[in-house]
C-alpha atoms as a PDB file:
ATOM      1  CA  MET A   1      30.476  83.888 135.965  1.00  0.00           C
ATOM      2  CA  PRO A   2      30.729  81.590 133.163  1.00  0.00           C
ATOM      3  CA  PRO A   3      33.465  79.417 133.188  1.00  0.00           C
ATOM      4  CA  ALA A   4      34.565  80.088 129.118  1.00  0.00           C
ATOM      5  CA  ARG A   5      34.397  83.939 130.432  1.00  0.00           C
ATOM      6  CA  ALA A   6      36.760  83.457 133.244  1.00  0.00           C
ATOM      7  CA  VAL A   7      39.271  81.950 131.027  1.00  0.00           C
ATOM      8  CA  SER A   8      39.060  84.813 128.191  1.00  0.00           C
ATOM      9  CA  ASN A   9      39.603  87.207 130.947  1.00  0.00           C
ATOM     10  CA  LEU A  10      42.707  85.302 131.977  1.00  0.00           C
ATOM     11  CA  CYS A  11      43.998  85.304 128.857  1.00  0.00           C
ATOM     12  CA  VAL A  12      43.551  88.639 128.098  1.00  0.00           C
ATOM     13  CA  GLU A  13      45.146  89.338 131.585  1.00  0.00           C
ATOM     14  CA  VAL A  14      48.458  87.492 130.804  1.00  0.00           C
ATOM     15  CA  PHE A  15      48.562  88.481 127.211  1.00  0.00           C
ATOM     16  CA  LEU A  16      48.481  92.372 128.744  1.00  0.00           C
ATOM     17  CA  ARG A  17      51.155  91.153 130.978  1.00  0.00           C
ATOM     18  CA  ALA A  18      53.527  89.872 128.699  1.00  0.00           C
ATOM     19  CA  ARG A  19      52.550  92.281 126.369  1.00  0.00           C
ATOM     20  CA  TRP A  20      53.761  95.188 129.206  1.00  0.00           C
ATOM     21  CA  SER A  21      56.658  93.219 130.235  1.00  0.00           C
ATOM     22  CA  ASP A  22      57.827  93.342 126.518  1.00  0.00           C
ATOM     23  CA  SER A  23      57.262  96.639 126.383  1.00  0.00           C
ATOM     24  CA  LEU A  24      59.384  97.844 129.432  1.00  0.00           C
ATOM     25  CA  ARG A  25      62.197  95.212 128.484  1.00  0.00           C
ATOM     26  CA  ASP A  26      62.214  97.196 125.218  1.00  0.00           C
ATOM     27  CA  TYR A  27      62.360 100.611 126.649  1.00  0.00           C
ATOM     28  CA  PHE A  28      65.491  99.059 128.825  1.00  0.00           C
ATOM     29  CA  LEU A  29      67.748  97.788 125.600  1.00  0.00           C
ATOM     30  CA  SER A  30      66.754 101.207 124.425  1.00  0.00           C
ATOM     31  CA  GLY A  31      68.109 103.422 127.289  1.00  0.00           C
ATOM     32  CA  LEU A  32      70.596 101.318 127.410  1.00  0.00           C
ATOM     33  CA  LEU A  33      72.197 101.620 124.178  1.00  0.00           C
ATOM     34  CA  ALA A  34      71.672 104.571 124.351  1.00  0.00           C
ATOM     35  CA  LEU A  35      74.078 105.465 127.550  1.00  0.00           C
ATOM     36  CA  LEU A  36      76.280 102.972 126.833  1.00  0.00           C
ATOM     37  CA  PRO A  37      77.972 105.025 123.974  1.00  0.00           C
ATOM     38  CA  LEU A  38      78.123 107.670 126.606  1.00  0.00           C
ATOM     39  CA  PHE A  39      79.379 105.955 129.295  1.00  0.00           C
ATOM     40  CA  ILE A  40      82.279 104.231 127.599  1.00  0.00           C
ATOM     41  CA  THR A  41      83.308 107.305 126.128  1.00  0.00           C
ATOM     42  CA  LEU A  42      83.548 109.101 129.700  1.00  0.00           C
ATOM     43  CA  GLN A  43      85.419 106.246 131.215  1.00  0.00           C
ATOM     44  CA  VAL A  44      87.826 105.890 128.589  1.00  0.00           C
ATOM     45  CA  LEU A  45      88.433 109.917 129.279  1.00  0.00           C
ATOM     46  CA  SER A  46      88.703 109.470 133.389  1.00  0.00           C
ATOM     47  CA  ILE A  47      91.368 106.696 132.776  1.00  0.00           C
ATOM     48  CA  VAL A  48      93.430 108.664 130.088  1.00  0.00           C
ATOM     49  CA  PHE A  49      92.812 111.562 132.090  1.00  0.00           C
ATOM     50  CA  VAL A  50      93.898 110.089 135.758  1.00  0.00           C
ATOM     51  CA  ALA A  51      96.469 108.236 134.179  1.00  0.00           C
ATOM     52  CA  VAL A  52      98.307 111.481 131.979  1.00  0.00           C
ATOM     53  CA  ASP A  53      97.255 113.679 135.276  1.00  0.00           C
ATOM     54  CA  GLY A  54      98.902 111.344 137.629  1.00  0.00           C
ATOM     55  CA  VAL A  55     102.629 111.286 135.776  1.00  0.00           C
ATOM     56  CA  LEU A  56     103.624 114.533 137.131  1.00  0.00           C
ATOM     57  CA  GLY A  57     100.578 115.521 139.265  1.00  0.00           C
ATOM     58  CA  LYS A  58     101.436 113.825 141.941  1.00  0.00           C
ATOM     59  CA  ARG A  59     104.908 114.952 142.035  1.00  0.00           C
ATOM     60  CA  THR A  60     103.818 118.397 141.859  1.00  0.00           C
ATOM     61  CA  ASP A  61     101.473 118.321 144.794  1.00  0.00           C
ATOM     62  CA  ALA A  62     104.366 116.895 146.842  1.00  0.00           C
ATOM     63  CA  LEU A  63     106.208 119.860 145.836  1.00  0.00           C
ATOM     64  CA  LEU A  64     103.328 122.375 146.276  1.00  0.00           C
ATOM     65  CA  SER A  65     102.309 120.824 149.626  1.00  0.00           C
ATOM     66  CA  MET A  66     106.266 120.775 150.868  1.00  0.00           C
ATOM     67  CA  ILE A  67     106.548 124.475 149.576  1.00  0.00           C
ATOM     68  CA  PHE A  68     103.261 125.845 151.295  1.00  0.00           C
ATOM     69  CA  ASP A  69     103.271 123.046 154.660  1.00  0.00           C
ATOM     70  CA  ARG A  70     100.224 121.787 154.067  1.00  0.00           C
ATOM     71  CA  PRO A  71      98.932 119.565 151.550  1.00  0.00           C
ATOM     72  CA  ILE A  72      97.311 120.763 148.082  1.00  0.00           C
ATOM     73  CA  HIS A  73      96.291 119.369 145.170  1.00  0.00           C
ATOM     74  CA  VAL A  74      95.766 120.749 142.090  1.00  0.00           C
ATOM     75  CA  PRO A  75      93.182 118.613 140.047  1.00  0.00           C
ATOM     76  CA  GLY A  76      94.448 118.509 135.811  1.00  0.00           C
ATOM     77  CA  LEU A  77      98.082 120.401 137.175  1.00  0.00           C
ATOM     78  CA  GLY A  78      99.641 117.065 135.755  1.00  0.00           C
ATOM     79  CA  LEU A  79      98.296 116.610 132.724  1.00  0.00           C
ATOM     80  CA  MET A  80      98.261 121.165 131.965  1.00  0.00           C
ATOM     81  CA  LEU A  81     102.569 120.261 132.727  1.00  0.00           C
ATOM     82  CA  THR A  82     102.225 116.981 130.923  1.00  0.00           C
ATOM     83  CA  GLY A  83     101.011 118.866 127.409  1.00  0.00           C
ATOM     84  CA  LEU A  84     103.252 121.995 128.235  1.00  0.00           C
ATOM     85  CA  LEU A  85     106.236 119.234 128.735  1.00  0.00           C
ATOM     86  CA  VAL A  86     105.035 117.595 124.964  1.00  0.00           C
ATOM     87  CA  LEU A  87     105.265 121.248 123.574  1.00  0.00           C
ATOM     88  CA  VAL A  88     108.512 121.362 124.457  1.00  0.00           C
ATOM     89  CA  ILE A  89     110.284 118.106 123.347  1.00  0.00           C
ATOM     90  CA  GLY A  90     108.123 118.619 120.121  1.00  0.00           C
ATOM     91  CA  PHE A  91     110.393 122.333 119.935  1.00  0.00           C
ATOM     92  CA  LEU A  92     113.394 120.618 120.864  1.00  0.00           C
ATOM     93  CA  ALA A  93     112.823 117.727 118.162  1.00  0.00           C
ATOM     94  CA  LYS A  94     113.020 120.242 115.502  1.00  0.00           C
ATOM     95  CA  ARG A  95     116.360 121.603 116.546  1.00  0.00           C
ATOM     96  CA  ILE A  96     119.717 119.489 115.218  1.00  0.00           C
ATOM     97  CA  PHE A  97     121.127 119.809 118.745  1.00  0.00           C
ATOM     98  CA  PHE A  98     117.884 117.698 120.301  1.00  0.00           C
ATOM     99  CA  LYS A  99     118.303 115.482 117.101  1.00  0.00           C
ATOM    100  CA  ARG A 100     122.173 114.093 118.027  1.00  0.00           C
ATOM    101  CA  VAL A 101     120.748 113.492 121.725  1.00  0.00           C
ATOM    102  CA  ILE A 102     117.771 111.605 120.501  1.00  0.00           C
ATOM    103  CA  GLY A 103     120.336 110.050 117.671  1.00  0.00           C
ATOM    104  CA  ALA A 104     122.610 108.636 121.128  1.00  0.00           C
ATOM    105  CA  VAL A 105     119.908 107.541 122.687  1.00  0.00           C
ATOM    106  CA  GLU A 106     118.281 105.154 119.959  1.00  0.00           C
ATOM    107  CA  SER A 107     121.920 103.889 119.720  1.00  0.00           C
ATOM    108  CA  GLY A 108     121.851 102.817 123.556  1.00  0.00           C
ATOM    109  CA  ILE A 109     118.610 101.459 122.943  1.00  0.00           C
ATOM    110  CA  GLU A 110     119.657  99.316 119.834  1.00  0.00           C
ATOM    111  CA  ARG A 111     122.519  97.469 122.030  1.00  0.00           C
ATOM    112  CA  LEU A 112     119.539  96.461 124.297  1.00  0.00           C
ATOM    113  CA  PRO A 113     118.148  93.321 122.899  1.00  0.00           C
ATOM    114  CA  VAL A 114     114.913  93.138 124.068  1.00  0.00           C
ATOM    115  CA  VAL A 115     113.659  96.983 124.817  1.00  0.00           C
ATOM    116  CA  ARG A 116     115.591  97.198 120.717  1.00  0.00           C
ATOM    117  CA  SER A 117     112.665  95.649 119.181  1.00  0.00           C
ATOM    118  CA  LEU A 118     110.381  97.012 121.605  1.00  0.00           C
ATOM    119  CA  TYR A 119     111.277 100.346 120.529  1.00  0.00           C
ATOM    120  CA  ASN A 120     112.041  99.864 117.127  1.00  0.00           C
ATOM    121  CA  ALA A 121     108.169  98.111 116.925  1.00  0.00           C
ATOM    122  CA  SER A 122     106.741 101.156 118.578  1.00  0.00           C
ATOM    123  CA  ARG A 123     108.547 103.647 115.669  1.00  0.00           C
ATOM    124  CA  GLN A 124     107.566 101.784 113.445  1.00  0.00           C
ATOM    125  CA  ILE A 125     103.944 102.343 114.057  1.00  0.00           C
ATOM    126  CA  VAL A 126     104.261 106.441 114.784  1.00  0.00           C
ATOM    127  CA  ALA A 127     106.347 107.088 111.764  1.00  0.00           C
ATOM    128  CA  PRO A 128     103.373 106.905 109.129  1.00  0.00           C
ATOM    129  CA  PHE A 129     102.003 110.246 111.033  1.00  0.00           C
ATOM    130  CA  THR A 130     105.555 111.942 111.674  1.00  0.00           C
ATOM    131  CA  GLY A 131     105.938 113.286 107.980  1.00  0.00           C
ATOM    132  CA  GLY A 132     109.699 113.866 107.817  1.00  0.00           C
ATOM    133  CA  ALA A 133     110.706 110.552 108.901  1.00  0.00           C
ATOM    134  CA  LYS A 134     111.429 107.296 106.788  1.00  0.00           C
ATOM    135  CA  GLN A 135     108.161 105.879 105.976  1.00  0.00           C
ATOM    136  CA  PRO A 136     108.254 102.138 107.235  1.00  0.00           C
ATOM    137  CA  PHE A 137     105.809 101.431 103.871  1.00  0.00           C
ATOM    138  CA  GLN A 138     106.385 103.154 100.575  1.00  0.00           C
ATOM    139  CA  ARG A 139     102.775 103.589  99.302  1.00  0.00           C
ATOM    140  CA  VAL A 140      99.318 101.909  99.584  1.00  0.00           C
ATOM    141  CA  VAL A 141      97.617  99.040  97.177  1.00  0.00           C
ATOM    142  CA  LEU A 142      94.691  96.821  96.078  1.00  0.00           C
ATOM    143  CA  VAL A 143      94.893  93.337  96.084  1.00  0.00           C
ATOM    144  CA  GLU A 144      92.598  90.204  94.885  1.00  0.00           C
ATOM    145  CA  TYR A 145      93.133  88.451  98.027  1.00  0.00           C
ATOM    146  CA  PRO A 146      92.957  85.647  98.802  1.00  0.00           C
ATOM    147  CA  MET A 147      90.726  84.878  96.864  1.00  0.00           C
ATOM    148  CA  VAL A 148      88.785  85.838  93.207  1.00  0.00           C
ATOM    149  CA  GLY A 149      86.240  89.003  94.253  1.00  0.00           C
ATOM    150  CA  ARG A 150      88.074  89.854  97.320  1.00  0.00           C
ATOM    151  CA  TRP A 151      90.235  92.891  97.525  1.00  0.00           C
ATOM    152  CA  THR A 152      92.436  93.571 100.163  1.00  0.00           C
ATOM    153  CA  LEU A 153      94.111  96.579 101.209  1.00  0.00           C
ATOM    154  CA  GLY A 154      97.721  96.403 101.682  1.00  0.00           C
ATOM    155  CA  LEU A 155     100.252  98.390 102.419  1.00  0.00           C
ATOM    156  CA  VAL A 156     103.738  98.198  99.781  1.00  0.00           C
ATOM    157  CA  ALA A 157     106.953  97.022 102.713  1.00  0.00           C
ATOM    158  CA  LYS A 158     109.614  96.340  99.662  1.00  0.00           C
ATOM    159  CA  GLU A 159     108.946  97.225  96.219  1.00  0.00           C
ATOM    160  CA  ASN A 160     111.346  93.728  95.443  1.00  0.00           C
ATOM    161  CA  ALA A 161     111.250  90.727  97.406  1.00  0.00           C
ATOM    162  CA  SER A 162     115.110  90.340  96.562  1.00  0.00           C
ATOM    163  CA  ALA A 163     118.346  91.226  94.808  1.00  0.00           C
ATOM    164  CA  ILE A 164     117.496  88.574  92.000  1.00  0.00           C
ATOM    165  CA  ASP A 165     117.674  90.274  88.805  1.00  0.00           C
ATOM    166  CA  GLY A 166     114.102  89.424  87.006  1.00  0.00           C
ATOM    167  CA  ASP A 167     112.278  89.063  90.247  1.00  0.00           C
ATOM    168  CA  ASP A 168     108.847  91.419  90.014  1.00  0.00           C
ATOM    169  CA  ARG A 169     107.490  90.724  93.136  1.00  0.00           C
ATOM    170  CA  LEU A 170     106.740  92.909  95.982  1.00  0.00           C
ATOM    171  CA  VAL A 171     106.441  92.242  99.851  1.00  0.00           C
ATOM    172  CA  ILE A 172     102.537  93.265 100.723  1.00  0.00           C
ATOM    173  CA  PHE A 173     102.007  93.645 104.456  1.00  0.00           C
ATOM    174  CA  PHE A 174      98.652  93.233 105.543  1.00  0.00           C
ATOM    175  CA  PRO A 175      97.713  94.412 108.851  1.00  0.00           C
ATOM    176  CA  SER A 176      94.958  94.053 111.474  1.00  0.00           C
ATOM    177  CA  ASN A 177      93.585  96.987 113.184  1.00  0.00           C
ATOM    178  CA  HIS A 178      96.140  96.698 115.595  1.00  0.00           C
ATOM    179  CA  LEU A 179      98.698  97.300 113.172  1.00  0.00           C
ATOM    180  CA  HIS A 180     101.376  95.687 114.575  1.00  0.00           C
ATOM    181  CA  LEU A 181      99.766  92.687 113.707  1.00  0.00           C
ATOM    182  CA  GLY A 182      98.924  91.170 110.288  1.00  0.00           C
ATOM    183  CA  TYR A 183     101.089  89.345 107.706  1.00  0.00           C
ATOM    184  CA  PRO A 184     103.674  89.890 104.750  1.00  0.00           C
ATOM    185  CA  VAL A 185     102.810  88.623 101.430  1.00  0.00           C
ATOM    186  CA  ILE A 186     105.274  87.728  98.586  1.00  0.00           C
ATOM    187  CA  MET A 187     103.431  88.837  95.236  1.00  0.00           C
ATOM    188  CA  SER A 188     103.713  89.206  91.924  1.00  0.00           C
ATOM    189  CA  ARG A 189     103.921  93.216  90.680  1.00  0.00           C
ATOM    190  CA  HIS A 190     100.872  92.413  88.336  1.00  0.00           C
ATOM    191  CA  GLU A 191      98.932  91.262  91.000  1.00  0.00           C
ATOM    192  CA  VAL A 192      98.930  94.305  92.704  1.00  0.00           C
ATOM    193  CA  VAL A 193      96.493  97.495  91.889  1.00  0.00           C
ATOM    194  CA  ASP A 194      97.342 101.155  93.221  1.00  0.00           C
ATOM    195  CA  ILE A 195      94.991 103.449  94.958  1.00  0.00           C
ATOM    196  CA  ASP A 196      94.742 106.914  95.542  1.00  0.00           C
ATOM    197  CA  MET A 197      95.189 106.769  99.302  1.00  0.00           C
ATOM    198  CA  SER A 198      98.046 107.535 101.564  1.00  0.00           C
ATOM    199  CA  VAL A 199      99.966 105.267 103.625  1.00  0.00           C
ATOM    200  CA  GLU A 200      98.365 108.031 106.310  1.00  0.00           C
ATOM    201  CA  GLU A 201      94.695 107.740 105.108  1.00  0.00           C
ATOM    202  CA  ALA A 202      95.539 103.654 104.937  1.00  0.00           C
ATOM    203  CA  ILE A 203      96.535 103.556 108.687  1.00  0.00           C
ATOM    204  CA  LYS A 204      93.375 105.869 109.644  1.00  0.00           C
ATOM    205  CA  PHE A 205      91.566 102.738 107.485  1.00  0.00           C
ATOM    206  CA  PHE A 206      92.625  99.819 109.530  1.00  0.00           C
ATOM    207  CA  VAL A 207      92.137 101.341 112.858  1.00  0.00           C
ATOM    208  CA  SER A 208      88.618 102.686 112.277  1.00  0.00           C
ATOM    209  CA  CYS A 209      88.087  98.798 110.695  1.00  0.00           C
ATOM    210  CA  GLY A 210      87.176 100.243 107.679  1.00  0.00           C
ATOM    211  CA  VAL A 211      84.700 102.950 108.701  1.00  0.00           C
ATOM    212  CA  VAL A 212      87.322 105.815 108.542  1.00  0.00           C
ATOM    213  CA  GLY A 213      88.378 106.177 104.546  1.00  0.00           C
ATOM    214  CA  HIS A 214      86.267 104.029 102.717  1.00  0.00           C
ATOM    215  CA  GLU A 215      85.682 106.957 100.220  1.00  0.00           C
ATOM    216  CA  LYS A 216      89.316 107.054  99.143  1.00  0.00           C
ATOM    217  CA  LEU A 217      89.088 102.946  97.960  1.00  0.00           C
ATOM    218  CA  LEU A 218      89.318 103.955  94.245  1.00  0.00           C
ATOM    219  CA  MET A 219      92.209 102.655  91.644  1.00  0.00           C
ATOM    220  CA  SER A 220      94.607 105.372  90.304  1.00  0.00           C
ATOM    221  CA  GLY A 221      93.354 107.567  88.250  1.00  0.00           C
ATOM    222  CA  GLY A 222      90.034 107.907  90.100  1.00  0.00           C
ATOM    223  CA  LEU A 223      88.294 104.850  88.733  1.00  0.00           C
ATOM    224  CA  PRO A 224      86.193 102.230  91.107  1.00  0.00           C
ATOM    225  CA  ILE A 225      87.191  98.934  92.010  1.00  0.00           C
ATOM    226  CA  PRO A 226      86.480  96.563  89.422  1.00  0.00           C
ATOM    227  CA  SER A 227      84.229  93.408  89.618  1.00  0.00           C
ATOM    228  CA  PRO A 228      85.346  90.002  89.956  1.00  0.00           C
ATOM    229  CA  THR A 229      88.422  89.371  87.676  1.00  0.00           C
ATOM    230  CA  ALA A 230      86.550  87.832  84.406  1.00  0.00           C
ATOM    231  CA  SER A 231      89.533  86.214  82.884  1.00  0.00           C
ATOM    232  CA  ARG A 232      90.753  85.162  85.933  1.00  0.00           C
ATOM    233  CA  PHE A 233      87.631  83.665  86.710  1.00  0.00           C
ATOM    234  CA  THR A 234      86.951  81.973  83.377  1.00  0.00           C
ATOM    235  CA  GLU A 235      90.901  80.366  83.306  1.00  0.00           C
ATOM    236  CA  MET A 236      89.632  78.937  87.443  1.00  0.00           C
ATOM    237  CA  HIS A 237      86.481  77.480  86.031  1.00  0.00           C
ATOM    238  CA  PRO A 238      86.329  76.936  82.813  1.00  0.00           C
ATOM    239  CA  PRO A 239      82.502  76.940  80.807  1.00  0.00           C
ATOM    240  CA  ASN A 240      82.860  73.238  79.561  1.00  0.00           C
ATOM    241  CA  ALA A 241      84.198  71.806  82.931  1.00  0.00           C
END
């Protein structure tokens, strides 16, 4: 075989092997990306099931084993009992007597320094999802912040930043998707724009990293978010500067 022919065949063989290797890699990555969400979902559900089922499941299994004098394990029994317990507590929570009991427990927690801070933070996170409780945030606003043309969703924490007459400033809280993490900013009232979004919808927006509730990003009256403020931009960057 002539040397040129041999070199040509070798090049073709190397090319085909490289192409086949690339195809195998693409197939593997495609399969991995297809199975990864399912795997993560199953793992999270498994962790939640084991954690919740273990709260009452182990104790129930031990009680049944003692009654029947032989080892007994009922998968999912602890999960069912936990769900039933939550329903019972939810039913009792609507009753005045139980509310007094909860109030007494909260009064005791308020006397414990570290536990008090932890409990209050947890209660503020849960409060937006309970209609009857006092909301820690009053309404949702859009703010052209931290720069012109960049709109940020915020929660009004206080309608008045101070008790001074004529102070029109608000306290706006900008949370992250962890909710309890974020930063409060004191801003003038005319710098915020009311938005047609409830606090509950804003919480979902933050938790989902902006995926859920984006169709609610409209100003009051259903108007779209404005473009960068021309007047403010002109003030900051004069044409003849």
